[in-house]
Amino acid sequence: MSAAFQTVEEVQALLASSGYVAHYGLASAIFLACRLPQPLLLEGEPGVGKTELARALAGGLETTFIRLQCYEGIDSREALYEWNYLEQLLEIRKHESARAPDEGRETDLFTWRFLQPRPLLRALLESNESPAVLLIDEIDRADEAFEAFLLEFLSDFAITIPEIGGVRARVAPIVVITSNRTRELHDGLKRRCLFHWVEYPSLEQELAIVQLRAPEVLPELAAAVALAVRRLRGLDLQKPPGVAESIAWSRAVRALGRDELTREVARQTLGVVIKNRDDWERVTESRDAWLAG
C-alpha cells in the first residue's frame, strides 16, 4: 500500500480524502517515510495536527491504525506485550481440578493464547501484506531509557519473546513519532528518523481545514474564526489554540444558530478556544483586538 505512492500530490489527495489538509513540504516528508521506508519524527507546538496526521494517513490507506501514547514511567512491557496472568491462573486451576488429567501432561502457560500484544507488537503482527500505521505519540513525555529501547525496535522491526521466539513484521510498518519538545530527544533516535517541523497552518490552509472538517459552517464564519485564532496565537498565550480549536469554535458558533463571529458571540464561546486562566485574562485585557476587522 505505501509503495503505491508515485507523487507527493497523491499523498496530499489521500490525506484530503480523510479530512486532512497537508502542505507540500509535509506531504513530501510522508511520501519519503512511506517509500524508503523510514520512521517520521514530527515536532511542533501542541495542536498543529501531528497526531491527526497519522490517523488521516491510516484512514486514507485503509490500514490498521495503532497508537502508543507515551507518558512518564512507561516501560517496554507496556509497549510490547504482557502475559494474561488471570487467564493463566484459571488455566492452572482448571488443570488441577480435572478429575482425570492426562498423566505426564503439563499445562503450557506461555503460548499465544495467553499473550496480550501491546502497540509495538501489534504493529508487527498487523503489518502483513500492507503496513500498519504506528503512531508513537508524545515521545518527549517518556524517559531516556524508553527512548533507548525504541532505537532497537525501530532498527529491526522485530522482537524476541523468550517463551515463544522471534517476531518480525513481514513489511515495515509506517511509523510516525510525535514530540512537543518538552525535552530534547536523543541524537540516536533522530538519526533513525526523517524529520519535519510542523508549523501552524497559514490562514488560507486553516480556512481550508475548517471548511473541510466543518462543512456546515458558512465560509464567512470559517474565515472569521480562522483569522481570530491566528491573532490569538500572536498574544503570547501559554496554550495557544490549535487547529482543533478552530474547528470546534466554528461549530460552537453555528450550534448557537449564529453565522457571524460578533463580540457577543465570541465572548459566549471563548471557553471553546481558551482553556487557561492566565490566557483568559490576557485575552480579556487585549480588549478584543483579535476580533478587529
C-alpha atoms as a PDB file:
ATOM      1  CA  MET A   1       0.000   0.000   0.000  1.00  0.00           C
ATOM      2  CA  SER A   2       2.658   2.542   0.970  1.00  0.00           C
ATOM      3  CA  ALA A   3       4.716   1.856  -2.188  1.00  0.00           C
ATOM      4  CA  ALA A   4       1.651   2.792  -4.261  1.00  0.00           C
ATOM      5  CA  PHE A   5       2.502   6.482  -3.839  1.00  0.00           C
ATOM      6  CA  GLN A   6       4.040   7.768  -7.040  1.00  0.00           C
ATOM      7  CA  THR A   7       3.934  11.501  -6.342  1.00  0.00           C
ATOM      8  CA  VAL A   8       3.690  13.869  -3.406  1.00  0.00           C
ATOM      9  CA  GLU A   9       0.414  15.135  -4.847  1.00  0.00           C
ATOM     10  CA  GLU A  10      -1.045  11.659  -4.382  1.00  0.00           C
ATOM     11  CA  VAL A  11      -0.197  11.882  -0.689  1.00  0.00           C
ATOM     12  CA  GLN A  12      -1.942  15.257  -0.438  1.00  0.00           C
ATOM     13  CA  ALA A  13      -5.032  13.876  -2.175  1.00  0.00           C
ATOM     14  CA  LEU A  14      -5.128  10.789   0.044  1.00  0.00           C
ATOM     15  CA  LEU A  15      -4.895  12.874   3.224  1.00  0.00           C
ATOM     16  CA  ALA A  16      -7.547  15.275   1.925  1.00  0.00           C
ATOM     17  CA  SER A  17      -9.879  12.301   1.444  1.00  0.00           C
ATOM     18  CA  SER A  18      -9.545  11.736   5.217  1.00  0.00           C
ATOM     19  CA  GLY A  19     -10.148  15.411   6.041  1.00  0.00           C
ATOM     20  CA  TYR A  20      -6.527  16.474   6.480  1.00  0.00           C
ATOM     21  CA  VAL A  21      -5.012  19.382   4.543  1.00  0.00           C
ATOM     22  CA  ALA A  22      -1.233  18.941   4.209  1.00  0.00           C
ATOM     23  CA  HIS A  23       1.069  21.438   2.540  1.00  0.00           C
ATOM     24  CA  TYR A  24       3.646  20.202   0.033  1.00  0.00           C
ATOM     25  CA  GLY A  25       6.553  20.046   2.492  1.00  0.00           C
ATOM     26  CA  LEU A  26       4.691  17.874   4.998  1.00  0.00           C
ATOM     27  CA  ALA A  27       3.285  15.651   2.266  1.00  0.00           C
ATOM     28  CA  SER A  28       6.843  15.226   0.911  1.00  0.00           C
ATOM     29  CA  ALA A  29       8.033  14.007   4.320  1.00  0.00           C
ATOM     30  CA  ILE A  30       5.221  11.451   4.436  1.00  0.00           C
ATOM     31  CA  PHE A  31       5.965  10.343   0.885  1.00  0.00           C
ATOM     32  CA  LEU A  32       9.612   9.663   1.759  1.00  0.00           C
ATOM     33  CA  ALA A  33       8.749   7.955   5.054  1.00  0.00           C
ATOM     34  CA  CYS A  34       6.491   5.539   3.179  1.00  0.00           C
ATOM     35  CA  ARG A  35       8.750   4.911   0.212  1.00  0.00           C
ATOM     36  CA  LEU A  36      12.136   4.471   1.918  1.00  0.00           C
ATOM     37  CA  PRO A  37      10.676   3.276   4.446  1.00  0.00           C
ATOM     38  CA  GLN A  38      11.867   5.205   7.495  1.00  0.00           C
ATOM     39  CA  PRO A  39      10.205   6.476  10.700  1.00  0.00           C
ATOM     40  CA  LEU A  40       8.990  10.074  10.520  1.00  0.00           C
ATOM     41  CA  LEU A  41       9.606  12.322  13.528  1.00  0.00           C
ATOM     42  CA  LEU A  42       7.178  15.238  13.714  1.00  0.00           C
ATOM     43  CA  GLU A  43       7.898  18.083  16.114  1.00  0.00           C
ATOM     44  CA  GLY A  44       5.822  21.181  16.670  1.00  0.00           C
ATOM     45  CA  GLU A  45       3.590  23.035  19.075  1.00  0.00           C
ATOM     46  CA  PRO A  46       0.607  21.179  20.579  1.00  0.00           C
ATOM     47  CA  GLY A  47      -2.446  21.436  18.365  1.00  0.00           C
ATOM     48  CA  VAL A  48      -0.778  21.723  14.968  1.00  0.00           C
ATOM     49  CA  GLY A  49      -2.166  18.360  13.803  1.00  0.00           C
ATOM     50  CA  LYS A  50       0.688  15.894  14.351  1.00  0.00           C
ATOM     51  CA  THR A  51      -1.448  13.134  15.864  1.00  0.00           C
ATOM     52  CA  GLU A  52      -4.303  13.703  13.446  1.00  0.00           C
ATOM     53  CA  LEU A  53      -1.907  13.292  10.536  1.00  0.00           C
ATOM     54  CA  ALA A  54      -1.206   9.670  11.472  1.00  0.00           C
ATOM     55  CA  ARG A  55      -4.929   8.966  11.832  1.00  0.00           C
ATOM     56  CA  ALA A  56      -5.648  10.507   8.448  1.00  0.00           C
ATOM     57  CA  LEU A  57      -2.844   8.529   6.807  1.00  0.00           C
ATOM     58  CA  ALA A  58      -4.191   5.243   8.167  1.00  0.00           C
ATOM     59  CA  GLY A  59      -7.707   6.203   7.151  1.00  0.00           C
ATOM     60  CA  GLY A  60      -6.664   7.108   3.629  1.00  0.00           C
ATOM     61  CA  LEU A  61      -4.657   3.893   3.217  1.00  0.00           C
ATOM     62  CA  GLU A  62      -7.488   1.887   4.819  1.00  0.00           C
ATOM     63  CA  THR A  63      -4.994   0.129   7.040  1.00  0.00           C
ATOM     64  CA  THR A  64      -4.730  -0.546  10.768  1.00  0.00           C
ATOM     65  CA  PHE A  65      -4.027   2.443  12.997  1.00  0.00           C
ATOM     66  CA  ILE A  66      -2.142   1.686  16.228  1.00  0.00           C
ATOM     67  CA  ARG A  67      -1.303   4.333  18.810  1.00  0.00           C
ATOM     68  CA  LEU A  68       1.272   4.127  21.574  1.00  0.00           C
ATOM     69  CA  GLN A  69       0.662   7.036  23.938  1.00  0.00           C
ATOM     70  CA  CYS A  70       3.868   7.809  25.806  1.00  0.00           C
ATOM     71  CA  TYR A  71       3.939   9.092  29.367  1.00  0.00           C
ATOM     72  CA  GLU A  72       6.385   9.421  32.223  1.00  0.00           C
ATOM     73  CA  GLY A  73       7.303   5.981  33.526  1.00  0.00           C
ATOM     74  CA  ILE A  74       6.205   3.934  30.505  1.00  0.00           C
ATOM     75  CA  ASP A  75       8.339   0.824  30.032  1.00  0.00           C
ATOM     76  CA  SER A  76       8.945  -1.813  27.376  1.00  0.00           C
ATOM     77  CA  ARG A  77       6.441  -4.239  28.912  1.00  0.00           C
ATOM     78  CA  GLU A  78       3.579  -1.794  28.442  1.00  0.00           C
ATOM     79  CA  ALA A  79       4.688  -1.072  24.891  1.00  0.00           C
ATOM     80  CA  LEU A  80       5.408  -4.642  23.715  1.00  0.00           C
ATOM     81  CA  TYR A  81       3.313  -7.302  25.422  1.00  0.00           C
ATOM     82  CA  GLU A  82       2.033  -8.655  28.724  1.00  0.00           C
ATOM     83  CA  TRP A  83       1.024 -12.090  29.884  1.00  0.00           C
ATOM     84  CA  ASN A  84      -2.591 -12.523  30.929  1.00  0.00           C
ATOM     85  CA  TYR A  85      -1.921 -13.696  34.457  1.00  0.00           C
ATOM     86  CA  LEU A  86      -5.598 -14.106  35.323  1.00  0.00           C
ATOM     87  CA  GLU A  87      -6.192 -16.444  32.384  1.00  0.00           C
ATOM     88  CA  GLN A  88      -3.036 -18.350  33.272  1.00  0.00           C
ATOM     89  CA  LEU A  89      -4.226 -18.783  36.856  1.00  0.00           C
ATOM     90  CA  LEU A  90      -7.638 -20.008  35.706  1.00  0.00           C
ATOM     91  CA  GLU A  91      -5.957 -22.490  33.386  1.00  0.00           C
ATOM     92  CA  ILE A  92      -3.853 -23.822  36.268  1.00  0.00           C
ATOM     93  CA  ARG A  93      -6.921 -24.268  38.465  1.00  0.00           C
ATOM     94  CA  LYS A  94      -8.816 -25.907  35.622  1.00  0.00           C
ATOM     95  CA  HIS A  95      -5.965 -28.332  35.105  1.00  0.00           C
ATOM     96  CA  GLU A  96      -5.673 -29.105  38.830  1.00  0.00           C
ATOM     97  CA  SER A  97      -9.412 -29.698  39.247  1.00  0.00           C
ATOM     98  CA  ALA A  98      -9.685 -32.081  36.315  1.00  0.00           C
ATOM     99  CA  ARG A  99     -10.904 -35.433  37.535  1.00  0.00           C
ATOM    100  CA  ALA A 100      -8.681 -37.500  35.303  1.00  0.00           C
ATOM    101  CA  PRO A 101      -5.887 -35.340  33.924  1.00  0.00           C
ATOM    102  CA  ASP A 102      -3.605 -36.962  31.406  1.00  0.00           C
ATOM    103  CA  GLU A 103      -0.586 -38.399  33.151  1.00  0.00           C
ATOM    104  CA  GLY A 104       2.602 -36.508  32.491  1.00  0.00           C
ATOM    105  CA  ARG A 105       0.813 -33.735  30.641  1.00  0.00           C
ATOM    106  CA  GLU A 106       1.715 -30.230  31.717  1.00  0.00           C
ATOM    107  CA  THR A 107      -0.175 -27.047  31.040  1.00  0.00           C
ATOM    108  CA  ASP A 108       1.740 -24.687  28.764  1.00  0.00           C
ATOM    109  CA  LEU A 109       1.013 -21.227  30.111  1.00  0.00           C
ATOM    110  CA  PHE A 110       3.290 -19.318  27.753  1.00  0.00           C
ATOM    111  CA  THR A 111       1.642 -19.529  24.358  1.00  0.00           C
ATOM    112  CA  TRP A 112      -0.073 -17.001  22.107  1.00  0.00           C
ATOM    113  CA  ARG A 113      -3.331 -17.886  23.818  1.00  0.00           C
ATOM    114  CA  PHE A 114      -2.199 -16.110  26.997  1.00  0.00           C
ATOM    115  CA  LEU A 115      -0.266 -13.278  25.375  1.00  0.00           C
ATOM    116  CA  GLN A 116      -1.676  -9.748  25.271  1.00  0.00           C
ATOM    117  CA  PRO A 117       0.019  -7.779  22.492  1.00  0.00           C
ATOM    118  CA  ARG A 118       0.601  -4.098  23.194  1.00  0.00           C
ATOM    119  CA  PRO A 119       1.030  -1.442  20.473  1.00  0.00           C
ATOM    120  CA  LEU A 120       4.550  -2.264  19.263  1.00  0.00           C
ATOM    121  CA  LEU A 121       3.923  -5.995  18.963  1.00  0.00           C
ATOM    122  CA  ARG A 122       0.524  -5.326  17.371  1.00  0.00           C
ATOM    123  CA  ALA A 123       2.230  -3.182  14.731  1.00  0.00           C
ATOM    124  CA  LEU A 124       4.476  -6.125  13.818  1.00  0.00           C
ATOM    125  CA  LEU A 125       1.603  -8.603  13.728  1.00  0.00           C
ATOM    126  CA  GLU A 126      -0.700  -6.324  11.725  1.00  0.00           C
ATOM    127  CA  SER A 127       1.913  -5.451   9.080  1.00  0.00           C
ATOM    128  CA  ASN A 128       1.428  -8.347   6.681  1.00  0.00           C
ATOM    129  CA  GLU A 129       0.513  -7.659   3.040  1.00  0.00           C
ATOM    130  CA  SER A 130       0.176  -3.949   3.837  1.00  0.00           C
ATOM    131  CA  PRO A 131       1.851  -1.904   6.581  1.00  0.00           C
ATOM    132  CA  ALA A 132       0.012  -0.762   9.677  1.00  0.00           C
ATOM    133  CA  VAL A 133       0.387   2.876  10.716  1.00  0.00           C
ATOM    134  CA  LEU A 134       2.068   3.030  14.123  1.00  0.00           C
ATOM    135  CA  LEU A 135       1.831   6.338  15.991  1.00  0.00           C
ATOM    136  CA  ILE A 136       4.304   6.767  18.853  1.00  0.00           C
ATOM    137  CA  ASP A 137       2.699   9.840  20.369  1.00  0.00           C
ATOM    138  CA  GLU A 138       4.490  12.428  22.522  1.00  0.00           C
ATOM    139  CA  ILE A 139       7.776  10.553  22.821  1.00  0.00           C
ATOM    140  CA  ASP A 140       9.187  13.518  24.761  1.00  0.00           C
ATOM    141  CA  ARG A 141       6.970  12.544  27.728  1.00  0.00           C
ATOM    142  CA  ALA A 142       8.803   9.223  28.119  1.00  0.00           C
ATOM    143  CA  ASP A 143      12.194   8.983  29.781  1.00  0.00           C
ATOM    144  CA  GLU A 144      15.514   8.426  28.035  1.00  0.00           C
ATOM    145  CA  ALA A 145      15.585   4.714  28.919  1.00  0.00           C
ATOM    146  CA  PHE A 146      12.397   4.087  26.975  1.00  0.00           C
ATOM    147  CA  GLU A 147      13.695   6.190  24.100  1.00  0.00           C
ATOM    148  CA  ALA A 148      16.815   3.998  24.001  1.00  0.00           C
ATOM    149  CA  PHE A 149      14.635   0.874  23.941  1.00  0.00           C
ATOM    150  CA  LEU A 150      12.819   2.221  20.897  1.00  0.00           C
ATOM    151  CA  LEU A 151      16.082   2.524  18.966  1.00  0.00           C
ATOM    152  CA  GLU A 152      16.444  -1.258  18.768  1.00  0.00           C
ATOM    153  CA  PHE A 153      12.814  -1.760  17.795  1.00  0.00           C
ATOM    154  CA  LEU A 154      12.970   0.869  15.038  1.00  0.00           C
ATOM    155  CA  SER A 155      16.193  -0.587  13.649  1.00  0.00           C
ATOM    156  CA  ASP A 156      14.904  -4.122  13.032  1.00  0.00           C
ATOM    157  CA  PHE A 157      11.109  -4.046  13.405  1.00  0.00           C
ATOM    158  CA  ALA A 158      11.492  -7.336  15.238  1.00  0.00           C
ATOM    159  CA  ILE A 159      11.337  -8.533  18.826  1.00  0.00           C
ATOM    160  CA  THR A 160      12.096 -11.737  20.689  1.00  0.00           C
ATOM    161  CA  ILE A 161       9.614 -13.223  23.138  1.00  0.00           C
ATOM    162  CA  PRO A 162      11.727 -15.623  25.219  1.00  0.00           C
ATOM    163  CA  GLU A 163       8.905 -18.138  25.756  1.00  0.00           C
ATOM    164  CA  ILE A 164       7.748 -18.130  22.119  1.00  0.00           C
ATOM    165  CA  GLY A 165      10.512 -16.914  19.819  1.00  0.00           C
ATOM    166  CA  GLY A 166      11.178 -14.119  17.377  1.00  0.00           C
ATOM    167  CA  VAL A 167       8.503 -11.968  15.777  1.00  0.00           C
ATOM    168  CA  ARG A 168       9.260  -9.865  12.708  1.00  0.00           C
ATOM    169  CA  ALA A 169       6.980  -7.727  10.572  1.00  0.00           C
ATOM    170  CA  ARG A 170       6.513  -9.051   7.031  1.00  0.00           C
ATOM    171  CA  VAL A 171       6.563  -5.465   5.810  1.00  0.00           C
ATOM    172  CA  ALA A 172       7.822  -2.487   7.774  1.00  0.00           C
ATOM    173  CA  PRO A 173       5.029  -0.541   9.473  1.00  0.00           C
ATOM    174  CA  ILE A 174       4.673   3.153   8.722  1.00  0.00           C
ATOM    175  CA  VAL A 175       5.921   4.812  11.908  1.00  0.00           C
ATOM    176  CA  VAL A 176       5.028   8.368  12.892  1.00  0.00           C
ATOM    177  CA  ILE A 177       6.663   9.713  16.067  1.00  0.00           C
ATOM    178  CA  THR A 178       5.476  12.997  17.567  1.00  0.00           C
ATOM    179  CA  SER A 179       7.108  15.350  20.049  1.00  0.00           C
ATOM    180  CA  ASN A 180       6.016  18.634  21.627  1.00  0.00           C
ATOM    181  CA  ARG A 181       9.650  19.387  22.547  1.00  0.00           C
ATOM    182  CA  THR A 182       9.191  19.361  26.314  1.00  0.00           C
ATOM    183  CA  ARG A 183      12.700  17.888  26.309  1.00  0.00           C
ATOM    184  CA  GLU A 184      15.419  17.330  23.730  1.00  0.00           C
ATOM    185  CA  LEU A 185      15.390  13.918  22.066  1.00  0.00           C
ATOM    186  CA  HIS A 186      18.491  11.764  21.786  1.00  0.00           C
ATOM    187  CA  ASP A 187      20.566  12.086  18.626  1.00  0.00           C
ATOM    188  CA  GLY A 188      20.374   8.328  18.097  1.00  0.00           C
ATOM    189  CA  LEU A 189      16.612   8.488  17.656  1.00  0.00           C
ATOM    190  CA  LYS A 190      16.834  11.467  15.332  1.00  0.00           C
ATOM    191  CA  ARG A 191      19.379   9.694  13.121  1.00  0.00           C
ATOM    192  CA  ARG A 192      16.954   6.829  12.550  1.00  0.00           C
ATOM    193  CA  CYS A 193      14.142   9.142  11.508  1.00  0.00           C
ATOM    194  CA  LEU A 194      13.175  11.597   8.860  1.00  0.00           C
ATOM    195  CA  PHE A 195      12.365  14.912  10.498  1.00  0.00           C
ATOM    196  CA  HIS A 196       9.738  17.560   9.865  1.00  0.00           C
ATOM    197  CA  TRP A 197       8.830  20.599  11.922  1.00  0.00           C
ATOM    198  CA  VAL A 198       5.062  21.128  11.770  1.00  0.00           C
ATOM    199  CA  GLU A 199       4.107  24.798  11.796  1.00  0.00           C
ATOM    200  CA  TYR A 200       0.694  26.230  12.454  1.00  0.00           C
ATOM    201  CA  PRO A 201      -1.088  26.348   9.094  1.00  0.00           C
ATOM    202  CA  SER A 202      -1.271  29.542   7.103  1.00  0.00           C
ATOM    203  CA  LEU A 203      -4.531  31.483   7.226  1.00  0.00           C
ATOM    204  CA  GLU A 204      -5.576  30.034   3.876  1.00  0.00           C
ATOM    205  CA  GLN A 205      -4.726  26.484   4.959  1.00  0.00           C
ATOM    206  CA  GLU A 206      -6.556  26.831   8.258  1.00  0.00           C
ATOM    207  CA  LEU A 207      -9.626  28.159   6.473  1.00  0.00           C
ATOM    208  CA  ALA A 208      -9.499  25.173   4.113  1.00  0.00           C
ATOM    209  CA  ILE A 209      -9.207  22.803   7.081  1.00  0.00           C
ATOM    210  CA  VAL A 210     -12.195  24.324   8.884  1.00  0.00           C
ATOM    211  CA  GLN A 211     -14.325  24.189   5.744  1.00  0.00           C
ATOM    212  CA  LEU A 212     -13.296  20.578   5.118  1.00  0.00           C
ATOM    213  CA  ARG A 213     -13.909  19.369   8.684  1.00  0.00           C
ATOM    214  CA  ALA A 214     -16.968  21.532   9.397  1.00  0.00           C
ATOM    215  CA  PRO A 215     -18.813  21.842   6.068  1.00  0.00           C
ATOM    216  CA  GLU A 216     -21.963  23.059   7.829  1.00  0.00           C
ATOM    217  CA  VAL A 217     -20.193  26.329   8.707  1.00  0.00           C
ATOM    218  CA  LEU A 218     -20.594  29.202   6.238  1.00  0.00           C
ATOM    219  CA  PRO A 219     -17.344  30.351   4.558  1.00  0.00           C
ATOM    220  CA  GLU A 220     -17.651  33.823   6.108  1.00  0.00           C
ATOM    221  CA  LEU A 221     -17.833  32.405   9.636  1.00  0.00           C
ATOM    222  CA  ALA A 222     -14.990  29.965   8.973  1.00  0.00           C
ATOM    223  CA  ALA A 223     -12.829  32.831   7.714  1.00  0.00           C
ATOM    224  CA  ALA A 224     -13.625  34.989  10.756  1.00  0.00           C
ATOM    225  CA  VAL A 225     -12.768  32.164  13.156  1.00  0.00           C
ATOM    226  CA  ALA A 226      -9.535  31.281  11.349  1.00  0.00           C
ATOM    227  CA  LEU A 227      -8.436  34.922  11.477  1.00  0.00           C
ATOM    228  CA  ALA A 228      -9.388  35.318  15.150  1.00  0.00           C
ATOM    229  CA  VAL A 229      -7.487  32.155  16.112  1.00  0.00           C
ATOM    230  CA  ARG A 230      -4.443  33.321  14.190  1.00  0.00           C
ATOM    231  CA  ARG A 231      -4.483  36.628  16.093  1.00  0.00           C
ATOM    232  CA  LEU A 232      -4.966  34.865  19.420  1.00  0.00           C
ATOM    233  CA  ARG A 233      -1.795  32.907  18.743  1.00  0.00           C
ATOM    234  CA  GLY A 234       0.010  36.213  18.480  1.00  0.00           C
ATOM    235  CA  LEU A 235      -0.866  37.173  22.083  1.00  0.00           C
ATOM    236  CA  ASP A 236       1.919  35.053  23.594  1.00  0.00           C
ATOM    237  CA  LEU A 237      -0.501  32.673  25.319  1.00  0.00           C
ATOM    238  CA  GLN A 238       0.660  29.775  27.465  1.00  0.00           C
ATOM    239  CA  LYS A 239      -1.568  27.412  25.495  1.00  0.00           C
ATOM    240  CA  PRO A 240      -2.226  28.856  22.047  1.00  0.00           C
ATOM    241  CA  PRO A 241      -5.289  27.423  20.315  1.00  0.00           C
ATOM    242  CA  GLY A 242      -4.651  24.690  17.794  1.00  0.00           C
ATOM    243  CA  VAL A 243      -6.408  23.711  14.614  1.00  0.00           C
ATOM    244  CA  ALA A 244      -8.846  21.524  16.554  1.00  0.00           C
ATOM    245  CA  GLU A 245      -9.978  24.631  18.476  1.00  0.00           C
ATOM    246  CA  SER A 246     -10.613  26.464  15.204  1.00  0.00           C
ATOM    247  CA  ILE A 247     -12.904  23.660  14.070  1.00  0.00           C
ATOM    248  CA  ALA A 248     -14.631  23.390  17.462  1.00  0.00           C
ATOM    249  CA  TRP A 249     -15.108  27.157  17.712  1.00  0.00           C
ATOM    250  CA  SER A 250     -16.737  27.311  14.280  1.00  0.00           C
ATOM    251  CA  ARG A 251     -19.098  24.503  15.218  1.00  0.00           C
ATOM    252  CA  ALA A 252     -19.910  26.105  18.581  1.00  0.00           C
ATOM    253  CA  VAL A 253     -20.912  29.392  16.979  1.00  0.00           C
ATOM    254  CA  ARG A 254     -23.025  27.524  14.444  1.00  0.00           C
ATOM    255  CA  ALA A 255     -24.613  25.483  17.246  1.00  0.00           C
ATOM    256  CA  LEU A 256     -25.859  28.765  18.723  1.00  0.00           C
ATOM    257  CA  GLY A 257     -27.630  29.423  15.462  1.00  0.00           C
ATOM    258  CA  ARG A 258     -25.266  32.241  14.506  1.00  0.00           C
ATOM    259  CA  ASP A 259     -23.338  32.762  11.307  1.00  0.00           C
ATOM    260  CA  GLU A 260     -21.152  35.680  12.421  1.00  0.00           C
ATOM    261  CA  LEU A 261     -18.383  35.909  14.998  1.00  0.00           C
ATOM    262  CA  THR A 262     -19.593  39.056  16.739  1.00  0.00           C
ATOM    263  CA  ARG A 263     -18.041  40.251  20.002  1.00  0.00           C
ATOM    264  CA  GLU A 264     -21.028  38.962  21.949  1.00  0.00           C
ATOM    265  CA  VAL A 265     -20.873  35.515  20.361  1.00  0.00           C
ATOM    266  CA  ALA A 266     -17.081  35.387  20.704  1.00  0.00           C
ATOM    267  CA  ARG A 267     -17.285  36.073  24.434  1.00  0.00           C
ATOM    268  CA  GLN A 268     -20.043  33.482  24.864  1.00  0.00           C
ATOM    269  CA  THR A 269     -17.941  30.792  23.183  1.00  0.00           C
ATOM    270  CA  LEU A 270     -14.433  31.816  24.236  1.00  0.00           C
ATOM    271  CA  GLY A 271     -14.175  28.785  26.519  1.00  0.00           C
ATOM    272  CA  VAL A 272     -14.081  26.583  23.438  1.00  0.00           C
ATOM    273  CA  VAL A 273     -10.752  28.048  22.372  1.00  0.00           C
ATOM    274  CA  ILE A 274      -9.134  29.437  25.556  1.00  0.00           C
ATOM    275  CA  LYS A 275      -8.660  26.899  28.362  1.00  0.00           C
ATOM    276  CA  ASN A 276      -6.178  28.513  30.720  1.00  0.00           C
ATOM    277  CA  ARG A 277      -6.962  31.175  33.325  1.00  0.00           C
ATOM    278  CA  ASP A 278      -3.877  33.296  32.650  1.00  0.00           C
ATOM    279  CA  ASP A 279      -4.566  33.120  28.939  1.00  0.00           C
ATOM    280  CA  TRP A 280      -8.182  34.112  29.573  1.00  0.00           C
ATOM    281  CA  GLU A 281      -7.039  37.219  31.436  1.00  0.00           C
ATOM    282  CA  ARG A 282      -4.551  38.100  28.705  1.00  0.00           C
ATOM    283  CA  VAL A 283      -7.231  37.751  26.039  1.00  0.00           C
ATOM    284  CA  THR A 284      -9.633  39.858  28.097  1.00  0.00           C
ATOM    285  CA  GLU A 285      -7.016  42.570  28.582  1.00  0.00           C
ATOM    286  CA  SER A 286      -6.461  42.723  24.839  1.00  0.00           C
ATOM    287  CA  ARG A 287      -9.882  44.450  24.573  1.00  0.00           C
ATOM    288  CA  ASP A 288     -10.962  42.183  21.727  1.00  0.00           C
ATOM    289  CA  ALA A 289      -8.197  43.431  19.425  1.00  0.00           C
ATOM    290  CA  TRP A 290      -8.070  39.927  17.968  1.00  0.00           C
ATOM    291  CA  LEU A 291     -11.630  40.439  16.686  1.00  0.00           C
ATOM    292  CA  ALA A 292     -10.911  43.700  14.859  1.00  0.00           C
ATOM    293  CA  GLY A 293     -11.811  43.668  11.210  1.00  0.00           C
END
